[in-house]
Amino acid sequence: MAILSIMVAGILQLFSLALLASAGAAARTELLFKCQQVVENVRFCYGIGRRSPPLPPPAGAGVPNPIVAGTTYLPYKDTGLPWTYWGPNGANVMEEENGPYKIFYTIERSSGNPNALWIITVSAVPTDDAAAARRFFGLTFKTLKRVDYVAAF
């Protein structure tokens, strides 16, 4: 009976570890998807700015036309026009106020050449907000787990 109970305790520890790893992988997959959404929205804004005649980017997108280097933080709370674009009634990147993640992106040129590619790095990090509406199981700000997605256009 003692040997059996020791074996069961070891197996149960493996199950809890597998559950934690699976939840962390699911959270990172969601964060990666959100980063991809940001890249595609910025590419869209860049594309309509290159039309002839150029169109302005959607209101609240925060993407300048023409594209310039810099860092932009997506809204975490309902902050007016940016939330209207990035929130649940727009691009739906930020699905809820005080959500489980925060997102920002940085745009820079790949070289000093004006015809060089734009490089965009989107970073998604679990929130450090104690008042967050929901949290990722097994993935917290303190574990320093973040997703960086890099693309060129």
N, C-alpha and C. Protein backbone atom coordinates (compact mmCIF):
# COMPACT_ATOMS: atom_id res chain seq x y z
N MET A 1 0.82 -1.19 0.00
CA MET A 1 0.00 0.00 0.00
C MET A 1 0.87 1.26 0.00
N ALA A 2 1.97 1.25 0.76
CA ALA A 2 2.86 2.40 0.84
C ALA A 2 3.54 2.65 -0.52
N ILE A 3 3.97 1.58 -1.16
CA ILE A 3 4.62 1.73 -2.47
C ILE A 3 3.64 2.29 -3.49
N LEU A 4 2.41 1.78 -3.45
CA LEU A 4 1.39 2.26 -4.36
C LEU A 4 1.07 3.73 -4.13
N SER A 5 0.98 4.17 -2.88
CA SER A 5 0.68 5.58 -2.59
C SER A 5 1.82 6.49 -3.03
N ILE A 6 3.06 6.06 -2.92
CA ILE A 6 4.20 6.85 -3.39
C ILE A 6 4.14 6.99 -4.91
N MET A 7 3.79 5.91 -5.60
CA MET A 7 3.69 5.97 -7.06
C MET A 7 2.55 6.90 -7.49
N VAL A 8 1.43 6.82 -6.82
CA VAL A 8 0.29 7.69 -7.17
C VAL A 8 0.64 9.15 -6.93
N ALA A 9 1.34 9.45 -5.86
CA ALA A 9 1.74 10.84 -5.58
C ALA A 9 2.65 11.36 -6.69
N GLY A 10 3.57 10.54 -7.16
CA GLY A 10 4.46 10.95 -8.25
C GLY A 10 3.71 11.17 -9.55
N ILE A 11 2.75 10.31 -9.84
CA ILE A 11 1.97 10.45 -11.07
C ILE A 11 1.10 11.70 -11.00
N LEU A 12 0.52 11.99 -9.85
CA LEU A 12 -0.31 13.19 -9.72
C LEU A 12 0.52 14.46 -9.90
N GLN A 13 1.76 14.44 -9.44
CA GLN A 13 2.64 15.60 -9.65
C GLN A 13 2.92 15.80 -11.14
N LEU A 14 3.07 14.71 -11.87
CA LEU A 14 3.27 14.82 -13.31
C LEU A 14 2.05 15.43 -14.00
N PHE A 15 0.85 15.05 -13.56
CA PHE A 15 -0.37 15.61 -14.15
C PHE A 15 -0.46 17.12 -13.89
N SER A 16 -0.15 17.54 -12.68
CA SER A 16 -0.24 18.97 -12.39
C SER A 16 0.81 19.76 -13.18
N LEU A 17 1.99 19.19 -13.36
CA LEU A 17 3.03 19.85 -14.15
C LEU A 17 2.62 19.93 -15.62
N ALA A 18 2.01 18.88 -16.14
CA ALA A 18 1.54 18.89 -17.53
C ALA A 18 0.42 19.91 -17.72
N LEU A 19 -0.46 20.04 -16.75
CA LEU A 19 -1.54 21.02 -16.82
C LEU A 19 -0.97 22.43 -16.85
N LEU A 20 0.00 22.70 -16.03
CA LEU A 20 0.64 24.02 -15.98
C LEU A 20 1.35 24.33 -17.31
N ALA A 21 2.07 23.38 -17.85
CA ALA A 21 2.76 23.58 -19.13
C ALA A 21 1.76 23.79 -20.26
N SER A 22 0.68 23.05 -20.26
CA SER A 22 -0.35 23.19 -21.29
C SER A 22 -1.03 24.55 -21.22
N ALA A 23 -1.33 25.02 -20.02
CA ALA A 23 -1.96 26.33 -19.86
C ALA A 23 -1.02 27.44 -20.30
N GLY A 24 0.26 27.33 -20.00
CA GLY A 24 1.23 28.32 -20.44
C GLY A 24 1.36 28.35 -21.95
N ALA A 25 1.35 27.18 -22.58
CA ALA A 25 1.43 27.11 -24.04
C ALA A 25 0.19 27.72 -24.68
N ALA A 26 -0.97 27.49 -24.10
CA ALA A 26 -2.21 28.08 -24.63
C ALA A 26 -2.18 29.60 -24.52
N ALA A 27 -1.67 30.11 -23.43
CA ALA A 27 -1.59 31.55 -23.24
C ALA A 27 -0.61 32.16 -24.24
N ARG A 28 0.54 31.54 -24.43
CA ARG A 28 1.52 32.06 -25.40
C ARG A 28 0.97 32.00 -26.82
N THR A 29 0.18 30.99 -27.13
CA THR A 29 -0.45 30.90 -28.45
C THR A 29 -1.43 32.05 -28.65
N GLU A 30 -2.21 32.37 -27.63
CA GLU A 30 -3.14 33.49 -27.72
C GLU A 30 -2.38 34.80 -27.90
N LEU A 31 -1.31 34.99 -27.16
CA LEU A 31 -0.51 36.20 -27.27
C LEU A 31 0.12 36.32 -28.66
N LEU A 32 0.59 35.21 -29.21
CA LEU A 32 1.16 35.22 -30.56
C LEU A 32 0.10 35.62 -31.59
N PHE A 33 -1.10 35.10 -31.45
CA PHE A 33 -2.18 35.46 -32.36
C PHE A 33 -2.50 36.95 -32.28
N LYS A 34 -2.51 37.50 -31.09
CA LYS A 34 -2.77 38.93 -30.92
C LYS A 34 -1.66 39.76 -31.58
N CYS A 35 -0.41 39.33 -31.44
CA CYS A 35 0.70 40.03 -32.08
C CYS A 35 0.54 40.00 -33.61
N GLN A 36 0.14 38.87 -34.15
CA GLN A 36 -0.08 38.77 -35.59
C GLN A 36 -1.19 39.71 -36.04
N GLN A 37 -2.24 39.84 -35.24
CA GLN A 37 -3.32 40.76 -35.57
C GLN A 37 -2.81 42.20 -35.64
N VAL A 38 -1.95 42.58 -34.70
CA VAL A 38 -1.41 43.93 -34.69
C VAL A 38 -0.60 44.17 -35.96
N VAL A 39 0.26 43.23 -36.33
CA VAL A 39 1.08 43.39 -37.53
C VAL A 39 0.19 43.56 -38.76
N GLU A 40 -0.83 42.76 -38.88
CA GLU A 40 -1.70 42.85 -40.05
C GLU A 40 -2.46 44.17 -40.08
N ASN A 41 -2.86 44.69 -38.94
CA ASN A 41 -3.53 45.99 -38.90
C ASN A 41 -2.58 47.12 -39.29
N VAL A 42 -1.33 47.06 -38.81
CA VAL A 42 -0.36 48.08 -39.18
C VAL A 42 -0.04 47.98 -40.67
N ARG A 43 0.09 46.77 -41.19
CA ARG A 43 0.31 46.60 -42.64
C ARG A 43 -0.86 47.18 -43.44
N PHE A 44 -2.06 46.98 -42.97
CA PHE A 44 -3.24 47.53 -43.63
C PHE A 44 -3.15 49.06 -43.67
N CYS A 45 -2.84 49.66 -42.53
CA CYS A 45 -2.72 51.12 -42.48
C CYS A 45 -1.61 51.62 -43.38
N TYR A 46 -0.51 50.89 -43.42
CA TYR A 46 0.60 51.25 -44.30
C TYR A 46 0.18 51.12 -45.77
N GLY A 47 -0.55 50.07 -46.09
CA GLY A 47 -0.98 49.83 -47.46
C GLY A 47 -1.94 50.89 -47.98
N ILE A 48 -2.90 51.30 -47.16
CA ILE A 48 -3.83 52.32 -47.65
C ILE A 48 -3.16 53.67 -47.75
N GLY A 49 -2.08 53.88 -47.00
CA GLY A 49 -1.33 55.13 -47.11
C GLY A 49 -0.49 55.20 -48.38
N ARG A 50 -0.23 54.05 -48.99
CA ARG A 50 0.58 53.99 -50.21
C ARG A 50 -0.27 53.99 -51.47
N ARG A 51 -1.57 54.00 -51.31
CA ARG A 51 -2.46 54.05 -52.48
C ARG A 51 -2.31 55.38 -53.20
N SER A 52 -2.86 55.44 -54.37
CA SER A 52 -2.85 56.71 -55.10
C SER A 52 -4.29 57.05 -55.43
N PRO A 53 -4.89 58.04 -54.85
CA PRO A 53 -4.36 58.92 -53.81
C PRO A 53 -4.35 58.21 -52.46
N PRO A 54 -3.44 58.60 -51.58
CA PRO A 54 -3.36 57.92 -50.27
C PRO A 54 -4.60 58.19 -49.42
N LEU A 55 -4.98 57.18 -48.68
CA LEU A 55 -6.09 57.31 -47.74
C LEU A 55 -5.52 57.45 -46.34
N PRO A 56 -6.21 58.16 -45.46
CA PRO A 56 -5.73 58.25 -44.08
C PRO A 56 -5.96 56.92 -43.36
N PRO A 57 -5.13 56.62 -42.37
CA PRO A 57 -5.37 55.39 -41.60
C PRO A 57 -6.68 55.52 -40.83
N PRO A 58 -7.27 54.41 -40.44
CA PRO A 58 -8.51 54.48 -39.66
C PRO A 58 -8.35 55.30 -38.39
N ALA A 59 -9.40 56.00 -38.02
CA ALA A 59 -9.36 56.86 -36.83
C ALA A 59 -9.06 56.02 -35.59
N GLY A 60 -8.10 56.46 -34.82
CA GLY A 60 -7.77 55.79 -33.57
C GLY A 60 -6.74 54.69 -33.70
N ALA A 61 -6.33 54.35 -34.93
CA ALA A 61 -5.37 53.27 -35.10
C ALA A 61 -4.02 53.63 -34.51
N GLY A 62 -3.70 54.92 -34.51
CA GLY A 62 -2.41 55.35 -33.96
C GLY A 62 -1.25 55.10 -34.88
N VAL A 63 -1.55 54.70 -36.12
CA VAL A 63 -0.50 54.44 -37.11
C VAL A 63 -0.37 55.69 -37.97
N PRO A 64 0.78 56.39 -37.91
CA PRO A 64 0.92 57.62 -38.69
C PRO A 64 1.00 57.33 -40.18
N ASN A 65 0.60 58.29 -40.96
CA ASN A 65 0.67 58.16 -42.40
C ASN A 65 1.45 59.35 -42.94
N PRO A 66 2.63 59.24 -43.43
CA PRO A 66 3.35 58.00 -43.70
C PRO A 66 3.92 57.39 -42.42
N ILE A 67 4.30 56.13 -42.51
CA ILE A 67 4.84 55.39 -41.37
C ILE A 67 6.13 56.06 -40.90
N VAL A 68 6.28 56.20 -39.60
CA VAL A 68 7.51 56.71 -39.01
C VAL A 68 7.96 55.76 -37.91
N ALA A 69 9.24 55.79 -37.62
CA ALA A 69 9.78 54.94 -36.57
C ALA A 69 9.28 55.40 -35.21
N GLY A 70 9.07 54.45 -34.32
CA GLY A 70 8.64 54.78 -32.96
C GLY A 70 7.96 53.60 -32.29
N THR A 71 7.54 53.83 -31.06
CA THR A 71 6.87 52.81 -30.26
C THR A 71 5.46 53.27 -29.95
N THR A 72 4.51 52.36 -30.08
CA THR A 72 3.11 52.66 -29.81
C THR A 72 2.56 51.62 -28.84
N TYR A 73 1.86 52.08 -27.81
CA TYR A 73 1.23 51.19 -26.85
C TYR A 73 -0.25 51.09 -27.16
N LEU A 74 -0.77 49.88 -27.26
CA LEU A 74 -2.20 49.71 -27.48
C LEU A 74 -2.94 50.02 -26.18
N PRO A 75 -4.16 50.53 -26.29
CA PRO A 75 -4.89 50.90 -25.06
C PRO A 75 -5.23 49.66 -24.24
N TYR A 76 -5.10 49.81 -22.95
CA TYR A 76 -5.43 48.73 -22.01
C TYR A 76 -6.83 48.94 -21.44
N LYS A 77 -7.28 50.18 -21.47
CA LYS A 77 -8.61 50.54 -20.96
C LYS A 77 -9.33 51.34 -22.02
N ASP A 78 -10.62 51.52 -21.84
CA ASP A 78 -11.43 52.28 -22.78
C ASP A 78 -11.00 53.74 -22.71
N THR A 79 -10.11 54.11 -23.64
CA THR A 79 -9.55 55.46 -23.62
C THR A 79 -9.96 56.25 -24.87
N GLY A 80 -11.18 56.08 -25.30
CA GLY A 80 -11.68 56.86 -26.42
C GLY A 80 -11.36 56.25 -27.76
N LEU A 81 -10.86 57.09 -28.68
CA LEU A 81 -10.67 56.70 -30.07
C LEU A 81 -9.73 55.51 -30.25
N PRO A 82 -8.57 55.43 -29.58
CA PRO A 82 -7.75 54.23 -29.76
C PRO A 82 -8.46 52.94 -29.36
N TRP A 83 -9.23 53.00 -28.28
CA TRP A 83 -9.97 51.80 -27.86
C TRP A 83 -11.02 51.43 -28.90
N THR A 84 -11.62 52.44 -29.53
CA THR A 84 -12.63 52.17 -30.55
C THR A 84 -12.03 51.37 -31.69
N TYR A 85 -10.79 51.69 -32.08
CA TYR A 85 -10.15 50.94 -33.16
C TYR A 85 -9.63 49.59 -32.69
N TRP A 86 -8.85 49.54 -31.61
CA TRP A 86 -8.18 48.31 -31.19
C TRP A 86 -9.06 47.41 -30.32
N GLY A 87 -10.15 47.94 -29.79
CA GLY A 87 -11.00 47.20 -28.86
C GLY A 87 -11.94 46.20 -29.53
N PRO A 88 -12.89 45.68 -28.74
CA PRO A 88 -13.76 44.61 -29.23
C PRO A 88 -14.69 45.02 -30.38
N ASN A 89 -14.98 46.29 -30.53
CA ASN A 89 -15.86 46.72 -31.61
C ASN A 89 -15.09 47.14 -32.86
N GLY A 90 -13.77 47.00 -32.83
CA GLY A 90 -12.92 47.36 -33.97
C GLY A 90 -12.11 46.15 -34.40
N ALA A 91 -10.80 46.27 -34.27
CA ALA A 91 -9.89 45.19 -34.68
C ALA A 91 -9.95 43.99 -33.72
N ASN A 92 -10.49 44.18 -32.54
CA ASN A 92 -10.65 43.14 -31.52
C ASN A 92 -9.31 42.53 -31.09
N VAL A 93 -8.27 43.33 -31.10
CA VAL A 93 -6.99 42.87 -30.57
C VAL A 93 -7.05 42.90 -29.04
N MET A 94 -7.57 44.00 -28.52
CA MET A 94 -7.77 44.11 -27.07
C MET A 94 -9.24 43.73 -26.82
N GLU A 95 -9.46 42.52 -26.35
CA GLU A 95 -10.81 41.98 -26.27
C GLU A 95 -11.62 42.53 -25.11
N GLU A 96 -10.95 42.99 -24.07
CA GLU A 96 -11.65 43.46 -22.89
C GLU A 96 -10.79 44.47 -22.15
N GLU A 97 -11.44 45.35 -21.41
CA GLU A 97 -10.69 46.28 -20.57
C GLU A 97 -10.02 45.49 -19.45
N ASN A 98 -8.88 45.96 -19.02
CA ASN A 98 -8.13 45.29 -17.93
C ASN A 98 -7.95 43.81 -18.23
N GLY A 99 -7.58 43.50 -19.46
CA GLY A 99 -7.42 42.11 -19.87
C GLY A 99 -6.16 41.47 -19.32
N PRO A 100 -5.87 40.24 -19.74
CA PRO A 100 -4.73 39.51 -19.19
C PRO A 100 -3.39 39.87 -19.83
N TYR A 101 -3.38 40.77 -20.82
CA TYR A 101 -2.12 41.10 -21.50
C TYR A 101 -2.10 42.58 -21.89
N LYS A 102 -0.89 43.07 -22.11
CA LYS A 102 -0.66 44.41 -22.64
C LYS A 102 0.20 44.24 -23.89
N ILE A 103 -0.05 45.10 -24.88
CA ILE A 103 0.63 44.98 -26.17
C ILE A 103 1.21 46.33 -26.58
N PHE A 104 2.41 46.29 -27.13
CA PHE A 104 2.99 47.47 -27.75
C PHE A 104 3.80 47.02 -28.96
N TYR A 105 4.02 47.97 -29.87
CA TYR A 105 4.83 47.64 -31.04
C TYR A 105 5.81 48.76 -31.33
N THR A 106 6.94 48.35 -31.93
CA THR A 106 8.00 49.29 -32.32
C THR A 106 8.24 49.13 -33.81
N ILE A 107 8.30 50.26 -34.51
CA ILE A 107 8.58 50.26 -35.94
C ILE A 107 9.91 50.96 -36.15
N GLU A 108 10.76 50.36 -36.99
CA GLU A 108 12.05 50.96 -37.32
C GLU A 108 12.46 50.54 -38.73
N ARG A 109 13.36 51.29 -39.32
CA ARG A 109 13.89 50.95 -40.64
C ARG A 109 14.97 49.89 -40.50
N SER A 110 15.06 49.02 -41.49
CA SER A 110 16.09 47.97 -41.46
C SER A 110 17.48 48.55 -41.74
N SER A 111 17.54 49.74 -42.37
CA SER A 111 18.81 50.43 -42.60
C SER A 111 18.50 51.91 -42.79
N GLY A 112 19.51 52.71 -43.04
CA GLY A 112 19.32 54.14 -43.24
C GLY A 112 18.75 54.49 -44.61
N ASN A 113 18.68 53.53 -45.50
CA ASN A 113 18.16 53.75 -46.85
C ASN A 113 16.66 54.03 -46.79
N PRO A 114 16.16 55.11 -47.43
CA PRO A 114 14.73 55.41 -47.37
C PRO A 114 13.86 54.36 -48.06
N ASN A 115 14.45 53.52 -48.91
CA ASN A 115 13.70 52.45 -49.56
C ASN A 115 13.81 51.11 -48.81
N ALA A 116 14.44 51.13 -47.66
CA ALA A 116 14.63 49.90 -46.89
C ALA A 116 13.29 49.45 -46.29
N LEU A 117 13.28 48.21 -45.86
CA LEU A 117 12.09 47.64 -45.26
C LEU A 117 11.81 48.26 -43.90
N TRP A 118 10.55 48.31 -43.54
CA TRP A 118 10.16 48.65 -42.18
C TRP A 118 10.14 47.35 -41.38
N ILE A 119 10.70 47.38 -40.21
CA ILE A 119 10.69 46.23 -39.30
C ILE A 119 9.76 46.57 -38.15
N ILE A 120 8.79 45.72 -37.91
CA ILE A 120 7.87 45.92 -36.79
C ILE A 120 8.05 44.78 -35.80
N THR A 121 8.21 45.15 -34.55
CA THR A 121 8.32 44.17 -33.46
C THR A 121 7.15 44.40 -32.52
N VAL A 122 6.29 43.42 -32.42
CA VAL A 122 5.13 43.50 -31.54
C VAL A 122 5.42 42.66 -30.31
N SER A 123 5.21 43.23 -29.14
CA SER A 123 5.45 42.52 -27.88
C SER A 123 4.16 42.44 -27.10
N ALA A 124 3.87 41.26 -26.60
CA ALA A 124 2.72 41.04 -25.74
C ALA A 124 3.22 40.46 -24.43
N VAL A 125 2.82 41.09 -23.33
CA VAL A 125 3.26 40.64 -22.01
C VAL A 125 2.05 40.43 -21.11
N PRO A 126 2.10 39.42 -20.26
CA PRO A 126 1.02 39.27 -19.28
C PRO A 126 0.96 40.52 -18.41
N THR A 127 -0.22 40.90 -18.02
CA THR A 127 -0.40 42.13 -17.26
C THR A 127 0.15 42.03 -15.84
N ASP A 128 0.57 43.18 -15.32
CA ASP A 128 0.98 43.27 -13.92
C ASP A 128 -0.10 43.97 -13.11
N ASP A 129 -1.26 44.18 -13.71
CA ASP A 129 -2.36 44.89 -13.07
C ASP A 129 -3.11 43.95 -12.11
N ALA A 130 -3.16 44.33 -10.85
CA ALA A 130 -3.85 43.51 -9.86
C ALA A 130 -5.36 43.49 -10.09
N ALA A 131 -5.88 44.50 -10.79
CA ALA A 131 -7.32 44.59 -11.03
C ALA A 131 -7.71 43.98 -12.38
N ALA A 132 -6.84 43.16 -12.96
CA ALA A 132 -7.13 42.56 -14.26
C ALA A 132 -8.40 41.71 -14.19
N ALA A 133 -9.20 41.79 -15.25
CA ALA A 133 -10.46 41.06 -15.30
C ALA A 133 -10.22 39.55 -15.29
N ARG A 134 -9.19 39.09 -15.96
CA ARG A 134 -8.81 37.67 -15.94
C ARG A 134 -7.31 37.56 -16.08
N ARG A 135 -6.78 36.45 -15.70
CA ARG A 135 -5.34 36.20 -15.75
C ARG A 135 -5.10 34.90 -16.50
N PHE A 136 -3.88 34.77 -17.02
CA PHE A 136 -3.48 33.52 -17.63
C PHE A 136 -3.03 32.57 -16.53
N PHE A 137 -3.49 31.34 -16.58
CA PHE A 137 -3.08 30.34 -15.62
C PHE A 137 -1.65 29.91 -15.94
N GLY A 138 -0.75 30.08 -14.99
CA GLY A 138 0.63 29.65 -15.17
C GLY A 138 1.50 30.61 -15.95
N LEU A 139 0.98 31.79 -16.31
CA LEU A 139 1.75 32.75 -17.08
C LEU A 139 1.49 34.12 -16.49
N THR A 140 2.46 34.64 -15.75
CA THR A 140 2.28 35.91 -15.07
C THR A 140 3.36 36.89 -15.45
N PHE A 141 3.17 38.13 -15.08
CA PHE A 141 4.16 39.17 -15.33
C PHE A 141 5.46 38.83 -14.61
N LYS A 142 5.36 38.25 -13.45
CA LYS A 142 6.56 37.96 -12.65
C LYS A 142 7.43 36.87 -13.27
N THR A 143 6.84 36.00 -14.09
CA THR A 143 7.64 34.95 -14.72
C THR A 143 8.39 35.48 -15.93
N LEU A 144 8.14 36.75 -16.28
CA LEU A 144 8.81 37.41 -17.40
C LEU A 144 8.62 36.66 -18.71
N LYS A 145 7.48 36.03 -18.86
CA LYS A 145 7.15 35.38 -20.13
C LYS A 145 6.52 36.43 -21.02
N ARG A 146 7.08 36.62 -22.18
CA ARG A 146 6.50 37.56 -23.14
C ARG A 146 6.67 36.99 -24.53
N VAL A 147 5.84 37.46 -25.42
CA VAL A 147 5.89 37.02 -26.80
C VAL A 147 6.32 38.21 -27.65
N ASP A 148 7.33 38.03 -28.46
CA ASP A 148 7.78 39.04 -29.42
C ASP A 148 7.58 38.48 -30.81
N TYR A 149 6.93 39.26 -31.65
CA TYR A 149 6.66 38.84 -33.03
C TYR A 149 7.27 39.90 -33.93
N VAL A 150 8.14 39.49 -34.84
CA VAL A 150 8.84 40.41 -35.71
C VAL A 150 8.43 40.15 -37.15
N ALA A 151 8.14 41.23 -37.87
CA ALA A 151 7.76 41.13 -39.27
C ALA A 151 8.35 42.30 -40.04
N ALA A 152 8.35 42.19 -41.36
CA ALA A 152 8.85 43.27 -42.21
C ALA A 152 7.79 43.62 -43.24
N PHE A 153 7.78 44.87 -43.62
CA PHE A 153 6.91 45.30 -44.72
C PHE A 153 7.53 46.49 -45.44
